[in-house]
Amino acid sequence: KKSLVNRLRSVEGHIRGIERMVEEDAYCMDILKQIKAVQQALERVSALTLENHLNTCVTTAIRSDDDGEKARVVTEIMDVFKATGKL
């Protein structure tokens, strides 16, 4: 949790930096590079969050005797990936 919060705070700082760059009419390619760095940082936060979810919530649901719960977590994950266009 602490690692994710730290990463998000770093992203927040980068976004403020990009905002300043835009306000100061920085070179467009420099702004785009910073935006790409933020996107990659958020992808890493997403991957770590998914890994945590798989290792905790999903593992618990799969081990349970409740078939409905098993189906729910699989559907939940699939829905997230469909919504993001990753499937």
N, C-alpha and C. Protein backbone atom coordinates (compact mmCIF):
# COMPACT_ATOMS: atom_id res chain seq x y z
N LYS A 1 0.84 -1.20 0.00
CA LYS A 1 0.00 0.00 0.00
C LYS A 1 0.88 1.25 0.00
N LYS A 2 1.87 1.27 0.87
CA LYS A 2 2.74 2.45 0.96
C LYS A 2 3.47 2.71 -0.35
N SER A 3 3.93 1.63 -0.98
CA SER A 3 4.62 1.75 -2.25
C SER A 3 3.71 2.36 -3.32
N LEU A 4 2.47 1.91 -3.35
CA LEU A 4 1.52 2.45 -4.34
C LEU A 4 1.23 3.92 -4.08
N VAL A 5 1.06 4.28 -2.82
CA VAL A 5 0.80 5.68 -2.47
C VAL A 5 1.99 6.55 -2.87
N ASN A 6 3.19 6.06 -2.61
CA ASN A 6 4.40 6.82 -3.00
C ASN A 6 4.48 7.00 -4.50
N ARG A 7 4.16 5.94 -5.24
CA ARG A 7 4.17 6.04 -6.71
C ARG A 7 3.14 7.04 -7.19
N LEU A 8 1.96 7.02 -6.60
CA LEU A 8 0.91 7.96 -6.99
C LEU A 8 1.29 9.40 -6.66
N ARG A 9 1.95 9.60 -5.55
CA ARG A 9 2.41 10.95 -5.21
C ARG A 9 3.46 11.43 -6.21
N SER A 10 4.30 10.53 -6.65
CA SER A 10 5.29 10.87 -7.67
C SER A 10 4.61 11.26 -8.97
N VAL A 11 3.59 10.50 -9.36
CA VAL A 11 2.82 10.82 -10.56
C VAL A 11 2.17 12.19 -10.42
N GLU A 12 1.62 12.43 -9.24
CA GLU A 12 0.99 13.73 -8.98
C GLU A 12 1.99 14.86 -9.19
N GLY A 13 3.20 14.69 -8.68
CA GLY A 13 4.24 15.71 -8.86
C GLY A 13 4.60 15.90 -10.32
N HIS A 14 4.69 14.80 -11.05
CA HIS A 14 4.98 14.90 -12.47
C HIS A 14 3.88 15.65 -13.22
N ILE A 15 2.65 15.40 -12.85
CA ILE A 15 1.53 16.08 -13.51
C ILE A 15 1.57 17.58 -13.23
N ARG A 16 1.89 17.94 -12.00
CA ARG A 16 2.04 19.37 -11.69
C ARG A 16 3.16 19.97 -12.53
N GLY A 17 4.23 19.20 -12.72
CA GLY A 17 5.34 19.67 -13.55
C GLY A 17 4.91 19.86 -15.00
N ILE A 18 4.11 18.95 -15.51
CA ILE A 18 3.61 19.08 -16.87
C ILE A 18 2.72 20.31 -16.99
N GLU A 19 1.90 20.52 -15.98
CA GLU A 19 1.04 21.70 -15.98
C GLU A 19 1.88 22.98 -16.07
N ARG A 20 2.96 23.03 -15.29
CA ARG A 20 3.85 24.20 -15.34
C ARG A 20 4.47 24.34 -16.73
N MET A 21 4.87 23.20 -17.30
CA MET A 21 5.47 23.24 -18.64
C MET A 21 4.49 23.82 -19.65
N VAL A 22 3.23 23.42 -19.57
CA VAL A 22 2.21 23.93 -20.49
C VAL A 22 2.03 25.44 -20.27
N GLU A 23 1.92 25.83 -19.00
CA GLU A 23 1.74 27.25 -18.69
C GLU A 23 2.91 28.09 -19.20
N GLU A 24 4.11 27.52 -19.17
CA GLU A 24 5.32 28.24 -19.57
C GLU A 24 5.66 28.05 -21.05
N ASP A 25 4.74 27.45 -21.79
CA ASP A 25 4.93 27.22 -23.23
C ASP A 25 6.21 26.43 -23.53
N ALA A 26 6.44 25.37 -22.77
CA ALA A 26 7.61 24.52 -23.01
C ALA A 26 7.48 23.84 -24.37
N TYR A 27 8.57 23.33 -24.85
CA TYR A 27 8.61 22.64 -26.13
C TYR A 27 7.67 21.44 -26.10
N CYS A 28 6.83 21.33 -27.11
CA CYS A 28 5.78 20.29 -27.16
C CYS A 28 6.34 18.89 -26.97
N MET A 29 7.44 18.59 -27.60
CA MET A 29 8.00 17.24 -27.48
C MET A 29 8.46 16.95 -26.05
N ASP A 30 8.94 17.95 -25.35
CA ASP A 30 9.32 17.77 -23.94
C ASP A 30 8.08 17.47 -23.10
N ILE A 31 6.99 18.15 -23.40
CA ILE A 31 5.74 17.89 -22.68
C ILE A 31 5.26 16.48 -22.97
N LEU A 32 5.29 16.09 -24.23
CA LEU A 32 4.85 14.74 -24.61
C LEU A 32 5.69 13.66 -23.94
N LYS A 33 6.98 13.89 -23.82
CA LYS A 33 7.85 12.92 -23.13
C LYS A 33 7.44 12.77 -21.67
N GLN A 34 7.12 13.87 -21.03
CA GLN A 34 6.70 13.82 -19.63
C GLN A 34 5.34 13.13 -19.48
N ILE A 35 4.46 13.39 -20.42
CA ILE A 35 3.15 12.71 -20.39
C ILE A 35 3.34 11.21 -20.53
N LYS A 36 4.21 10.79 -21.44
CA LYS A 36 4.48 9.37 -21.64
C LYS A 36 5.05 8.75 -20.36
N ALA A 37 5.92 9.47 -19.68
CA ALA A 37 6.49 8.97 -18.43
C ALA A 37 5.41 8.77 -17.37
N VAL A 38 4.46 9.70 -17.31
CA VAL A 38 3.34 9.58 -16.35
C VAL A 38 2.47 8.38 -16.72
N GLN A 39 2.20 8.21 -18.00
CA GLN A 39 1.39 7.07 -18.43
C GLN A 39 2.06 5.75 -18.05
N GLN A 40 3.36 5.67 -18.24
CA GLN A 40 4.09 4.45 -17.87
C GLN A 40 4.07 4.23 -16.37
N ALA A 41 4.19 5.30 -15.61
CA ALA A 41 4.14 5.18 -14.15
C ALA A 41 2.78 4.69 -13.69
N LEU A 42 1.72 5.19 -14.32
CA LEU A 42 0.37 4.75 -13.97
C LEU A 42 0.14 3.29 -14.38
N GLU A 43 0.73 2.88 -15.50
CA GLU A 43 0.64 1.47 -15.90
C GLU A 43 1.30 0.57 -14.86
N ARG A 44 2.39 1.04 -14.29
CA ARG A 44 3.08 0.26 -13.25
C ARG A 44 2.21 0.19 -11.99
N VAL A 45 1.59 1.30 -11.61
CA VAL A 45 0.68 1.30 -10.47
C VAL A 45 -0.47 0.32 -10.73
N SER A 46 -0.99 0.35 -11.95
CA SER A 46 -2.07 -0.56 -12.32
C SER A 46 -1.62 -2.01 -12.21
N ALA A 47 -0.44 -2.32 -12.72
CA ALA A 47 0.06 -3.70 -12.67
C ALA A 47 0.27 -4.17 -11.24
N LEU A 48 0.79 -3.31 -10.39
CA LEU A 48 1.00 -3.68 -8.99
C LEU A 48 -0.33 -3.87 -8.26
N THR A 49 -1.30 -3.03 -8.59
CA THR A 49 -2.63 -3.16 -7.98
C THR A 49 -3.29 -4.46 -8.42
N LEU A 50 -3.17 -4.78 -9.70
CA LEU A 50 -3.73 -6.04 -10.20
C LEU A 50 -3.04 -7.23 -9.54
N GLU A 51 -1.73 -7.17 -9.43
CA GLU A 51 -0.99 -8.26 -8.79
C GLU A 51 -1.46 -8.46 -7.35
N ASN A 52 -1.63 -7.38 -6.62
CA ASN A 52 -2.12 -7.46 -5.25
C ASN A 52 -3.53 -8.07 -5.21
N HIS A 53 -4.37 -7.63 -6.11
CA HIS A 53 -5.75 -8.13 -6.16
C HIS A 53 -5.76 -9.64 -6.43
N LEU A 54 -4.93 -10.07 -7.37
CA LEU A 54 -4.86 -11.50 -7.70
C LEU A 54 -4.36 -12.31 -6.51
N ASN A 55 -3.39 -11.77 -5.79
CA ASN A 55 -2.79 -12.49 -4.66
C ASN A 55 -3.65 -12.47 -3.41
N THR A 56 -4.64 -11.61 -3.36
CA THR A 56 -5.47 -11.51 -2.16
C THR A 56 -6.92 -11.86 -2.48
N CYS A 57 -7.65 -10.92 -2.99
CA CYS A 57 -9.09 -11.08 -3.22
C CYS A 57 -9.41 -12.25 -4.14
N VAL A 58 -8.72 -12.35 -5.26
CA VAL A 58 -9.02 -13.41 -6.22
C VAL A 58 -8.64 -14.78 -5.66
N THR A 59 -7.49 -14.86 -5.03
CA THR A 59 -7.06 -16.13 -4.44
C THR A 59 -8.07 -16.61 -3.40
N THR A 60 -8.53 -15.70 -2.57
CA THR A 60 -9.53 -16.05 -1.55
C THR A 60 -10.81 -16.54 -2.21
N ALA A 61 -11.26 -15.85 -3.25
CA ALA A 61 -12.50 -16.23 -3.91
C ALA A 61 -12.36 -17.59 -4.60
N ILE A 62 -11.26 -17.82 -5.25
CA ILE A 62 -11.06 -19.09 -5.96
C ILE A 62 -11.00 -20.26 -4.99
N ARG A 63 -10.44 -20.04 -3.82
CA ARG A 63 -10.33 -21.10 -2.82
C ARG A 63 -11.64 -21.36 -2.08
N SER A 64 -12.58 -20.45 -2.22
CA SER A 64 -13.84 -20.61 -1.49
C SER A 64 -14.71 -21.69 -2.15
N ASP A 65 -15.70 -22.11 -1.43
CA ASP A 65 -16.65 -23.10 -1.95
C ASP A 65 -17.80 -22.45 -2.70
N ASP A 66 -17.81 -21.14 -2.74
CA ASP A 66 -18.90 -20.39 -3.35
C ASP A 66 -18.62 -20.20 -4.85
N ASP A 67 -19.28 -20.98 -5.67
CA ASP A 67 -19.09 -20.88 -7.12
C ASP A 67 -19.48 -19.52 -7.67
N GLY A 68 -20.48 -18.90 -7.06
CA GLY A 68 -20.89 -17.56 -7.47
C GLY A 68 -19.80 -16.53 -7.25
N GLU A 69 -19.10 -16.66 -6.14
CA GLU A 69 -17.99 -15.74 -5.83
C GLU A 69 -16.85 -15.95 -6.82
N LYS A 70 -16.56 -17.19 -7.14
CA LYS A 70 -15.51 -17.49 -8.12
C LYS A 70 -15.84 -16.83 -9.46
N ALA A 71 -17.06 -17.02 -9.91
CA ALA A 71 -17.49 -16.44 -11.18
C ALA A 71 -17.47 -14.92 -11.13
N ARG A 72 -17.85 -14.36 -9.99
CA ARG A 72 -17.88 -12.90 -9.85
C ARG A 72 -16.51 -12.28 -10.03
N VAL A 73 -15.48 -12.85 -9.39
CA VAL A 73 -14.14 -12.25 -9.50
C VAL A 73 -13.58 -12.39 -10.90
N VAL A 74 -13.87 -13.50 -11.57
CA VAL A 74 -13.39 -13.66 -12.95
C VAL A 74 -14.08 -12.65 -13.85
N THR A 75 -15.39 -12.50 -13.70
CA THR A 75 -16.14 -11.53 -14.50
C THR A 75 -15.66 -10.12 -14.23
N GLU A 76 -15.40 -9.82 -12.98
CA GLU A 76 -14.92 -8.49 -12.59
C GLU A 76 -13.61 -8.15 -13.29
N ILE A 77 -12.68 -9.09 -13.30
CA ILE A 77 -11.38 -8.86 -13.96
C ILE A 77 -11.58 -8.71 -15.47
N MET A 78 -12.38 -9.57 -16.05
CA MET A 78 -12.62 -9.51 -17.49
C MET A 78 -13.26 -8.17 -17.86
N ASP A 79 -14.19 -7.70 -17.06
CA ASP A 79 -14.86 -6.43 -17.35
C ASP A 79 -13.87 -5.26 -17.35
N VAL A 80 -12.93 -5.28 -16.42
CA VAL A 80 -11.93 -4.20 -16.36
C VAL A 80 -11.08 -4.22 -17.63
N PHE A 81 -10.63 -5.40 -18.04
CA PHE A 81 -9.79 -5.48 -19.23
C PHE A 81 -10.57 -5.14 -20.49
N LYS A 82 -11.83 -5.53 -20.57
CA LYS A 82 -12.66 -5.17 -21.73
C LYS A 82 -12.87 -3.66 -21.79
N ALA A 83 -13.11 -3.04 -20.64
CA ALA A 83 -13.36 -1.60 -20.59
C ALA A 83 -12.14 -0.79 -21.00
N THR A 84 -10.96 -1.34 -20.74
CA THR A 84 -9.73 -0.61 -21.09
C THR A 84 -9.22 -0.95 -22.47
N GLY A 85 -9.93 -1.84 -23.16
CA GLY A 85 -9.51 -2.22 -24.51
C GLY A 85 -8.32 -3.14 -24.54
N LYS A 86 -8.03 -3.78 -23.42
CA LYS A 86 -6.87 -4.68 -23.34
C LYS A 86 -7.22 -6.10 -23.78
N LEU A 87 -8.49 -6.34 -24.10
CA LEU A 87 -8.91 -7.66 -24.60
C LEU A 87 -9.56 -7.52 -25.94
